[in-house]
PDB file of N, CA and C in Angstrom:
ATOM      1  N   MET A   1       0.758  -1.008  -0.067  1.00  0.00           N
ATOM      2  CA  MET A   1       0.038  -0.301   0.116  1.00  0.00           C
ATOM      3  C   MET A   1       0.957   1.437  -0.065  1.00  0.00           C
ATOM      4  N   SER A   2       0.612   2.418  -0.359  1.00  0.00           N
ATOM      5  CA  SER A   2       1.043   3.453  -0.689  1.00  0.00           C
ATOM      6  C   SER A   2       0.956   4.241   0.414  1.00  0.00           C
ATOM      7  N   GLY A   3       1.903   5.212   0.676  1.00  0.00           N
ATOM      8  CA  GLY A   3       2.167   6.265   1.980  1.00  0.00           C
ATOM      9  C   GLY A   3       0.623   6.988   2.331  1.00  0.00           C
ATOM     10  N   ALA A   4       0.032   7.623   1.186  1.00  0.00           N
ATOM     11  CA  ALA A   4      -1.076   8.205   1.087  1.00  0.00           C
ATOM     12  C   ALA A   4      -2.265   7.470   1.816  1.00  0.00           C
ATOM     13  N   PHE A   5      -2.405   6.430   0.982  1.00  0.00           N
ATOM     14  CA  PHE A   5      -3.644   5.196   1.229  1.00  0.00           C
ATOM     15  C   PHE A   5      -3.364   5.117   2.669  1.00  0.00           C
ATOM     16  N   SER A   6      -2.158   4.883   3.144  1.00  0.00           N
ATOM     17  CA  SER A   6      -2.302   4.374   4.669  1.00  0.00           C
ATOM     18  C   SER A   6      -2.854   5.367   5.493  1.00  0.00           C
ATOM     19  N   GLY A   7      -2.192   6.813   5.281  1.00  0.00           N
ATOM     20  CA  GLY A   7      -2.421   7.834   5.678  1.00  0.00           C
ATOM     21  C   GLY A   7      -4.060   8.470   5.655  1.00  0.00           C
ATOM     22  N   LEU A   8      -4.570   7.981   4.502  1.00  0.00           N
ATOM     23  CA  LEU A   8      -5.853   8.257   4.318  1.00  0.00           C
ATOM     24  C   LEU A   8      -6.842   7.161   4.992  1.00  0.00           C
ATOM     25  N   LEU A   9      -6.105   5.941   5.349  1.00  0.00           N
ATOM     26  CA  LEU A   9      -7.206   5.053   6.271  1.00  0.00           C
ATOM     27  C   LEU A   9      -6.698   5.452   7.758  1.00  0.00           C
ATOM     28  N   VAL A  10      -5.638   6.117   8.078  1.00  0.00           N
ATOM     29  CA  VAL A  10      -5.773   6.541   9.533  1.00  0.00           C
ATOM     30  C   VAL A  10      -6.742   7.141   9.919  1.00  0.00           C
ATOM     31  N   VAL A  11      -6.741   8.597   8.672  1.00  0.00           N
ATOM     32  CA  VAL A  11      -7.717   9.950   9.310  1.00  0.00           C
ATOM     33  C   VAL A  11      -9.261   9.148   9.326  1.00  0.00           C
ATOM     34  N   GLU A  12      -9.276   7.979   8.335  1.00  0.00           N
ATOM     35  CA  GLU A  12     -10.691   7.632   8.211  1.00  0.00           C
ATOM     36  C   GLU A  12     -10.960   6.813   9.909  1.00  0.00           C
ATOM     37  N   VAL A  13     -10.124   6.180  10.255  1.00  0.00           N
ATOM     38  CA  VAL A  13     -10.052   5.632  11.718  1.00  0.00           C
ATOM     39  C   VAL A  13     -10.716   6.703  12.390  1.00  0.00           C
ATOM     40  N   VAL A  14      -9.773   8.076  12.744  1.00  0.00           N
ATOM     41  CA  VAL A  14      -9.658   8.818  13.743  1.00  0.00           C
ATOM     42  C   VAL A  14     -11.230   9.733  13.537  1.00  0.00           C
ATOM     43  N   LEU A  15     -11.968   9.596  12.123  1.00  0.00           N
ATOM     44  CA  LEU A  15     -12.871  10.205  12.134  1.00  0.00           C
ATOM     45  C   LEU A  15     -14.089   9.804  12.250  1.00  0.00           C
ATOM     46  N   THR A  16     -14.093   7.911  12.278  1.00  0.00           N
ATOM     47  CA  THR A  16     -14.737   7.344  12.843  1.00  0.00           C
ATOM     48  C   THR A  16     -14.759   7.313  14.223  1.00  0.00           C
ATOM     49  N   ALA A  17     -13.763   7.253  15.222  1.00  0.00           N
ATOM     50  CA  ALA A  17     -13.829   7.287  16.222  1.00  0.00           C
ATOM     51  C   ALA A  17     -14.357   8.712  17.001  1.00  0.00           C
ATOM     52  N   VAL A  18     -13.958   9.971  16.456  1.00  0.00           N
ATOM     53  CA  VAL A  18     -14.634  11.201  17.042  1.00  0.00           C
ATOM     54  C   VAL A  18     -16.130  10.864  16.471  1.00  0.00           C
ATOM     55  N   ALA A  19     -16.794  10.334  15.330  1.00  0.00           N
ATOM     56  CA  ALA A  19     -18.143  10.420  15.302  1.00  0.00           C
ATOM     57  C   ALA A  19     -18.555   9.160  16.357  1.00  0.00           C
ATOM     58  N   VAL A  20     -18.026   8.341  16.553  1.00  0.00           N
ATOM     59  CA  VAL A  20     -18.727   7.571  17.588  1.00  0.00           C
ATOM     60  C   VAL A  20     -18.834   8.531  18.892  1.00  0.00           C
ATOM     61  N   LEU A  21     -17.794   8.873  19.592  1.00  0.00           N
ATOM     62  CA  LEU A  21     -17.911   9.763  20.641  1.00  0.00           C
ATOM     63  C   LEU A  21     -18.837  10.479  20.714  1.00  0.00           C
ATOM     64  N   MET A  22     -18.887  11.504  19.356  1.00  0.00           N
ATOM     65  CA  MET A  22     -20.007  12.553  19.359  1.00  0.00           C
ATOM     66  C   MET A  22     -20.978  11.962  19.220  1.00  0.00           C
ATOM     67  N   PHE A  23     -21.492  11.275  18.617  1.00  0.00           N
ATOM     68  CA  PHE A  23     -22.604  10.398  19.180  1.00  0.00           C
ATOM     69  C   PHE A  23     -23.068   9.856  20.691  1.00  0.00           C
ATOM     70  N   LEU A  24     -21.755   9.132  21.397  1.00  0.00           N
ATOM     71  CA  LEU A  24     -22.240   8.953  22.594  1.00  0.00           C
ATOM     72  C   LEU A  24     -22.473  10.171  23.136  1.00  0.00           C
ATOM     73  N   TYR A  25     -21.976  10.836  23.084  1.00  0.00           N
ATOM     74  CA  TYR A  25     -21.821  12.271  23.831  1.00  0.00           C
ATOM     75  C   TYR A  25     -23.155  12.362  23.607  1.00  0.00           C
ATOM     76  N   ARG A  26     -23.874  12.916  22.645  1.00  0.00           N
ATOM     77  CA  ARG A  26     -25.089  13.055  22.265  1.00  0.00           C
ATOM     78  C   ARG A  26     -26.271  12.498  22.754  1.00  0.00           C
ATOM     79  N   SER A  27     -26.195  11.092  22.915  1.00  0.00           N
ATOM     80  CA  SER A  27     -27.184  10.037  23.827  1.00  0.00           C
ATOM     81  C   SER A  27     -26.804  10.418  25.008  1.00  0.00           C
ATOM     82  N   MET A  28     -26.263  10.814  25.588  1.00  0.00           N
ATOM     83  CA  MET A  28     -25.895  11.250  27.078  1.00  0.00           C
ATOM     84  C   MET A  28     -26.900  12.275  27.297  1.00  0.00           C
ATOM     85  N   LEU A  29     -26.461  13.256  26.556  1.00  0.00           N
ATOM     86  CA  LEU A  29     -27.300  14.675  26.661  1.00  0.00           C
ATOM     87  C   LEU A  29     -29.077  14.578  26.444  1.00  0.00           C
ATOM     88  N   ASP A  30     -29.200  13.338  25.658  1.00  0.00           N
ATOM     89  CA  ASP A  30     -30.927  13.355  25.355  1.00  0.00           C
ATOM     90  C   ASP A  30     -31.001  12.556  26.570  1.00  0.00           C
ATOM     91  N   MET A  31     -30.539  12.230  27.138  1.00  0.00           N
ATOM     92  CA  MET A  31     -31.204  11.109  28.016  1.00  0.00           C
ATOM     93  C   MET A  31     -31.298  12.111  29.636  1.00  0.00           C
ATOM     94  N   LYS A  32     -30.522  13.119  29.376  1.00  0.00           N
ATOM     95  CA  LYS A  32     -30.845  14.339  30.355  1.00  0.00           C
ATOM     96  C   LYS A  32     -31.944  15.262  30.131  1.00  0.00           C
ATOM     97  N   GLU A  33     -32.039  15.386  28.838  1.00  0.00           N
ATOM     98  CA  GLU A  33     -33.322  16.268  28.042  1.00  0.00           C
ATOM     99  C   GLU A  33     -34.764  15.518  29.193  1.00  0.00           C
ATOM    100  N   GLU A  34     -35.540  16.248  29.477  1.00  0.00           N
ATOM    101  CA  GLU A  34     -37.043  15.955  29.928  1.00  0.00           C
ATOM    102  C   GLU A  34     -38.087  16.605  29.153  1.00  0.00           C
ATOM    103  N   ASP A  35     -38.630  15.219  29.017  1.00  0.00           N
ATOM    104  CA  ASP A  35     -40.074  16.299  28.243  1.00  0.00           C
ATOM    105  C   ASP A  35     -41.097  16.433  29.242  1.00  0.00           C
ATOM    106  N   HIS A  36     -41.319  17.560  29.923  1.00  0.00           N
ATOM    107  CA  HIS A  36     -41.994  18.314  30.816  1.00  0.00           C
ATOM    108  C   HIS A  36     -42.481  19.975  30.866  1.00  0.00           C
ATOM    109  N   ILE A  37     -44.052  20.009  31.846  1.00  0.00           N
ATOM    110  CA  ILE A  37     -43.787  21.271  31.294  1.00  0.00           C
ATOM    111  C   ILE A  37     -43.925  22.389  32.924  1.00  0.00           C
ATOM    112  N   ILE A  38     -42.690  22.845  32.143  1.00  0.00           N
ATOM    113  CA  ILE A  38     -42.523  23.499  34.183  1.00  0.00           C
ATOM    114  C   ILE A  38     -43.895  24.637  34.135  1.00  0.00           C
ATOM    115  N   LEU A  39     -44.482  24.226  34.960  1.00  0.00           N
ATOM    116  CA  LEU A  39     -45.604  25.436  35.526  1.00  0.00           C
ATOM    117  C   LEU A  39     -45.642  26.470  36.591  1.00  0.00           C
ATOM    118  N   ASP A  40     -44.607  26.667  37.597  1.00  0.00           N
ATOM    119  CA  ASP A  40     -44.561  27.636  38.267  1.00  0.00           C
ATOM    120  C   ASP A  40     -42.573  27.826  38.283  1.00  0.00           C
ATOM    121  N   SER A  41     -42.480  29.422  38.645  1.00  0.00           N
ATOM    122  CA  SER A  41     -41.362  29.774  38.311  1.00  0.00           C
ATOM    123  C   SER A  41     -40.362  29.143  39.652  1.00  0.00           C
ATOM    124  N   ALA A  42     -40.761  28.630  40.710  1.00  0.00           N
ATOM    125  CA  ALA A  42     -39.879  27.750  41.735  1.00  0.00           C
ATOM    126  C   ALA A  42     -39.021  26.529  40.619  1.00  0.00           C
ATOM    127  N   GLU A  43     -39.758  26.036  39.346  1.00  0.00           N
ATOM    128  CA  GLU A  43     -38.990  25.021  38.372  1.00  0.00           C
ATOM    129  C   GLU A  43     -38.392  25.810  37.504  1.00  0.00           C
ATOM    130  N   SER A  44     -38.448  27.311  37.307  1.00  0.00           N
ATOM    131  CA  SER A  44     -37.489  27.854  36.605  1.00  0.00           C
ATOM    132  C   SER A  44     -35.659  27.146  36.086  1.00  0.00           C
ATOM    133  N   HIS A  45     -35.281  27.062  37.400  1.00  0.00           N
ATOM    134  CA  HIS A  45     -34.051  26.313  36.938  1.00  0.00           C
ATOM    135  C   HIS A  45     -33.789  25.344  36.290  1.00  0.00           C
ATOM    136  N   LEU A  46     -35.177  24.758  36.423  1.00  0.00           N
ATOM    137  CA  LEU A  46     -35.051  23.522  35.402  1.00  0.00           C
ATOM    138  C   LEU A  46     -34.920  23.480  34.111  1.00  0.00           C
ATOM    139  N   ALA A  47     -36.158  24.686  33.662  1.00  0.00           N
ATOM    140  CA  ALA A  47     -35.704  25.519  32.357  1.00  0.00           C
ATOM    141  C   ALA A  47     -34.502  25.395  31.714  1.00  0.00           C
ATOM    142  N   ARG A  48     -33.953  26.574  32.656  1.00  0.00           N
ATOM    143  CA  ARG A  48     -32.740  26.738  32.333  1.00  0.00           C
ATOM    144  C   ARG A  48     -31.519  25.758  32.013  1.00  0.00           C
ATOM    145  N   ASP A  49     -31.588  24.777  32.630  1.00  0.00           N
ATOM    146  CA  ASP A  49     -30.532  23.374  32.812  1.00  0.00           C
ATOM    147  C   ASP A  49     -31.275  22.644  31.062  1.00  0.00           C
ATOM    148  N   GLN A  50     -32.930  22.587  30.636  1.00  0.00           N
ATOM    149  CA  GLN A  50     -33.564  22.107  29.646  1.00  0.00           C
ATOM    150  C   GLN A  50     -32.849  22.840  28.443  1.00  0.00           C
ATOM    151  N   ASP A  51     -32.518  24.045  28.653  1.00  0.00           N
ATOM    152  CA  ASP A  51     -32.673  25.308  27.408  1.00  0.00           C
ATOM    153  C   ASP A  51     -30.801  25.032  26.780  1.00  0.00           C
ATOM    154  N   ALA A  52     -30.255  24.816  28.134  1.00  0.00           N
ATOM    155  CA  ALA A  52     -28.334  24.609  27.919  1.00  0.00           C
ATOM    156  C   ALA A  52     -28.490  23.162  27.447  1.00  0.00           C
ATOM    157  N   ILE A  53     -29.269  22.026  27.815  1.00  0.00           N
ATOM    158  CA  ILE A  53     -28.782  21.148  27.209  1.00  0.00           C
ATOM    159  C   ILE A  53     -29.058  20.876  25.925  1.00  0.00           C
ATOM    160  N   ARG A  54     -30.758  21.612  25.227  1.00  0.00           N
ATOM    161  CA  ARG A  54     -31.207  21.313  23.676  1.00  0.00           C
ATOM    162  C   ARG A  54     -30.196  22.214  23.230  1.00  0.00           C
ATOM    163  N   ARG A  55     -29.327  23.381  23.799  1.00  0.00           N
ATOM    164  CA  ARG A  55     -28.647  24.292  23.277  1.00  0.00           C
ATOM    165  C   ARG A  55     -27.122  23.423  22.764  1.00  0.00           C
ATOM    166  N   LYS A  56     -26.463  22.632  23.538  1.00  0.00           N
ATOM    167  CA  LYS A  56     -25.493  21.220  23.163  1.00  0.00           C
ATOM    168  C   LYS A  56     -25.761  20.774  22.302  1.00  0.00           C
ATOM    169  N   THR A  57     -27.135  19.977  22.330  1.00  0.00           N
ATOM    170  CA  THR A  57     -27.374  18.955  21.522  1.00  0.00           C
ATOM    171  C   THR A  57     -27.635  19.670  20.052  1.00  0.00           C
ATOM    172  N   THR A  58     -28.212  20.751  20.167  1.00  0.00           N
ATOM    173  CA  THR A  58     -28.276  21.774  18.423  1.00  0.00           C
ATOM    174  C   THR A  58     -26.553  21.742  18.064  1.00  0.00           C
ATOM    175  N   VAL A  59     -25.725  22.360  18.869  1.00  0.00           N
ATOM    176  CA  VAL A  59     -24.098  22.563  18.192  1.00  0.00           C
ATOM    177  C   VAL A  59     -23.917  21.267  18.010  1.00  0.00           C
ATOM    178  N   LEU A  60     -23.884  19.959  18.972  1.00  0.00           N
ATOM    179  CA  LEU A  60     -23.158  19.046  18.409  1.00  0.00           C
ATOM    180  C   LEU A  60     -23.583  18.149  16.778  1.00  0.00           C
ATOM    181  N   SER A  61     -25.025  18.460  16.996  1.00  0.00           N
ATOM    182  CA  SER A  61     -25.376  17.940  15.915  1.00  0.00           C
ATOM    183  C   SER A  61     -24.546  18.295  14.851  1.00  0.00           C
ATOM    184  N   LYS A  62     -24.432  19.689  14.743  1.00  0.00           N
ATOM    185  CA  LYS A  62     -23.810  20.632  13.497  1.00  0.00           C
ATOM    186  C   LYS A  62     -22.601  19.958  13.728  1.00  0.00           C
ATOM    187  N   TYR A  63     -21.979  19.597  14.182  1.00  0.00           N
ATOM    188  CA  TYR A  63     -20.597  18.921  14.369  1.00  0.00           C
ATOM    189  C   TYR A  63     -20.635  17.403  13.684  1.00  0.00           C
ATOM    190  N   ILE A  64     -21.877  16.774  14.399  1.00  0.00           N
ATOM    191  CA  ILE A  64     -21.538  15.154  13.420  1.00  0.00           C
ATOM    192  C   ILE A  64     -22.204  15.460  12.451  1.00  0.00           C
ATOM    193  N   LYS A  65     -22.703  16.624  11.299  1.00  0.00           N
ATOM    194  CA  LYS A  65     -22.866  16.508  10.346  1.00  0.00           C
ATOM    195  C   LYS A  65     -22.186  16.805   9.487  1.00  0.00           C
ATOM    196  N   VAL A  66     -21.245  17.725   9.963  1.00  0.00           N
ATOM    197  CA  VAL A  66     -19.682  18.046   9.256  1.00  0.00           C
ATOM    198  C   VAL A  66     -19.042  17.167   9.366  1.00  0.00           C
ATOM    199  N   VAL A  67     -18.901  16.159  10.334  1.00  0.00           N
ATOM    200  CA  VAL A  67     -17.928  14.972  10.281  1.00  0.00           C
ATOM    201  C   VAL A  67     -18.268  14.116   9.803  1.00  0.00           C
ATOM    202  N   SER A  68     -19.556  13.511   9.628  1.00  0.00           N
ATOM    203  CA  SER A  68     -20.465  12.658   8.645  1.00  0.00           C
ATOM    204  C   SER A  68     -20.119  12.933   6.953  1.00  0.00           C
ATOM    205  N   VAL A  69     -19.982  14.375   7.040  1.00  0.00           N
ATOM    206  CA  VAL A  69     -20.251  14.372   5.446  1.00  0.00           C
ATOM    207  C   VAL A  69     -18.556  14.433   5.299  1.00  0.00           C
ATOM    208  N   ALA A  70     -17.453  14.731   6.075  1.00  0.00           N
ATOM    209  CA  ALA A  70     -16.252  14.271   5.902  1.00  0.00           C
ATOM    210  C   ALA A  70     -15.775  13.102   6.053  1.00  0.00           C
ATOM    211  N   TRP A  71     -16.543  12.353   6.603  1.00  0.00           N
ATOM    212  CA  TRP A  71     -16.017  10.912   6.668  1.00  0.00           C
ATOM    213  C   TRP A  71     -16.393  10.015   5.573  1.00  0.00           C
ATOM    214  N   GLY A  72     -17.840  10.784   4.290  1.00  0.00           N
ATOM    215  CA  GLY A  72     -18.081   9.722   3.418  1.00  0.00           C
ATOM    216  C   GLY A  72     -17.527  10.228   2.296  1.00  0.00           C
ATOM    217  N   VAL A  73     -16.867  11.793   2.297  1.00  0.00           N
ATOM    218  CA  VAL A  73     -15.810  12.013   1.371  1.00  0.00           C
ATOM    219  C   VAL A  73     -14.913  11.427   1.357  1.00  0.00           C
ATOM    220  N   LEU A  74     -13.878  11.439   2.400  1.00  0.00           N
ATOM    221  CA  LEU A  74     -12.884  10.691   2.666  1.00  0.00           C
ATOM    222  C   LEU A  74     -13.150   8.781   2.151  1.00  0.00           C
ATOM    223  N   ALA A  75     -14.469   8.603   2.304  1.00  0.00           N
ATOM    224  CA  ALA A  75     -14.709   6.615   2.381  1.00  0.00           C
ATOM    225  C   ALA A  75     -14.573   7.083   0.923  1.00  0.00           C
ATOM    226  N   VAL A  76     -15.416   7.661   0.264  1.00  0.00           N
ATOM    227  CA  VAL A  76     -15.229   7.700  -1.680  1.00  0.00           C
ATOM    228  C   VAL A  76     -13.674   7.914  -2.089  1.00  0.00           C
ATOM    229  N   VAL A  77     -12.577   8.713  -1.237  1.00  0.00           N
ATOM    230  CA  VAL A  77     -11.610   8.788  -1.743  1.00  0.00           C
ATOM    231  C   VAL A  77     -10.747   8.103  -1.929  1.00  0.00           C
ATOM    232  N   ILE A  78     -10.947   7.139  -0.606  1.00  0.00           N
ATOM    233  CA  ILE A  78     -10.337   5.747  -0.180  1.00  0.00           C
ATOM    234  C   ILE A  78     -10.664   4.668  -1.062  1.00  0.00           C
ATOM    235  N   PHE A  79     -11.749   4.756  -1.770  1.00  0.00           N
ATOM    236  CA  PHE A  79     -12.227   3.220  -2.295  1.00  0.00           C
ATOM    237  C   PHE A  79     -11.697   3.558  -3.962  1.00  0.00           C
ATOM    238  N   GLY A  80     -11.586   5.220  -4.058  1.00  0.00           N
ATOM    239  CA  GLY A  80     -11.216   5.347  -5.511  1.00  0.00           C
ATOM    240  C   GLY A  80      -9.718   5.412  -5.202  1.00  0.00           C
ATOM    241  N   LEU A  81      -9.080   5.847  -4.635  1.00  0.00           N
ATOM    242  CA  LEU A  81      -7.611   5.298  -4.473  1.00  0.00           C
ATOM    243  C   LEU A  81      -6.908   3.511  -4.382  1.00  0.00           C
ATOM    244  N   TRP A  82      -8.006   2.939  -4.018  1.00  0.00           N
ATOM    245  CA  TRP A  82      -7.978   1.407  -3.903  1.00  0.00           C
ATOM    246  C   TRP A  82      -8.532   0.882  -5.140  1.00  0.00           C
ATOM    247  N   VAL A  83      -9.541   1.801  -5.888  1.00  0.00           N
ATOM    248  CA  VAL A  83      -9.838   0.728  -7.618  1.00  0.00           C
ATOM    249  C   VAL A  83      -8.679   1.099  -8.101  1.00  0.00           C
ATOM    250  N   ILE A  84      -8.078   2.293  -8.595  1.00  0.00           N
ATOM    251  CA  ILE A  84      -7.192   2.801  -9.522  1.00  0.00           C
ATOM    252  C   ILE A  84      -5.823   1.990  -8.470  1.00  0.00           C
ATOM    253  N   GLN A  85      -5.616   1.531  -7.849  1.00  0.00           N
ATOM    254  CA  GLN A  85      -3.974   0.917  -7.357  1.00  0.00           C
ATOM    255  C   GLN A  85      -4.817  -0.209  -7.677  1.00  0.00           C
ATOM    256  N   GLY A  86      -5.505  -1.171  -7.508  1.00  0.00           N
ATOM    257  CA  GLY A  86      -6.009  -2.545  -8.037  1.00  0.00           C
ATOM    258  C   GLY A  86      -5.672  -2.592  -9.739  1.00  0.00           C
ATOM    259  N   LEU A  87      -6.077  -1.807 -10.203  1.00  0.00           N
ATOM    260  CA  LEU A  87      -6.332  -1.613 -11.879  1.00  0.00           C
ATOM    261  C   LEU A  87      -5.035  -1.444 -12.004  1.00  0.00           C
ATOM    262  N   LYS A  88      -3.902  -0.968 -11.328  1.00  0.00           N
ATOM    263  CA  LYS A  88      -2.598  -0.456 -11.786  1.00  0.00           C
ATOM    264  C   LYS A  88      -1.859  -2.240 -11.550  1.00  0.00           C
ATOM    265  N   LEU A  89      -1.951  -2.962 -11.074  1.00  0.00           N
ATOM    266  CA  LEU A  89      -1.834  -4.506 -10.351  1.00  0.00           C
ATOM    267  C   LEU A  89      -2.426  -5.098 -11.780  1.00  0.00           C
ATOM    268  N   VAL A  90      -3.143  -4.988 -12.441  1.00  0.00           N
ATOM    269  CA  VAL A  90      -3.627  -5.871 -13.401  1.00  0.00           C
ATOM    270  C   VAL A  90      -3.075  -5.728 -14.828  1.00  0.00           C
TER     271      VAL A  90
END
């Protein structure tokens, strides 16, 4: 295998690990998010906590989309290099 191909595989593994960690973190945030109505001002701190969790989840979802697109593009590039190297051997 060429150095570029090996390097791209390493980047792919790192991106996969980052994506898995981001999905795990988002699932932990989703477990903390509650679906209840806050009726009085005594529970307003719960509303602030839920807003903070919702904002974190929204920001994290944007990063997950970016990492997913980068992962897909990199997978296509690696597959293309693999095909090109295979055709050179024939």
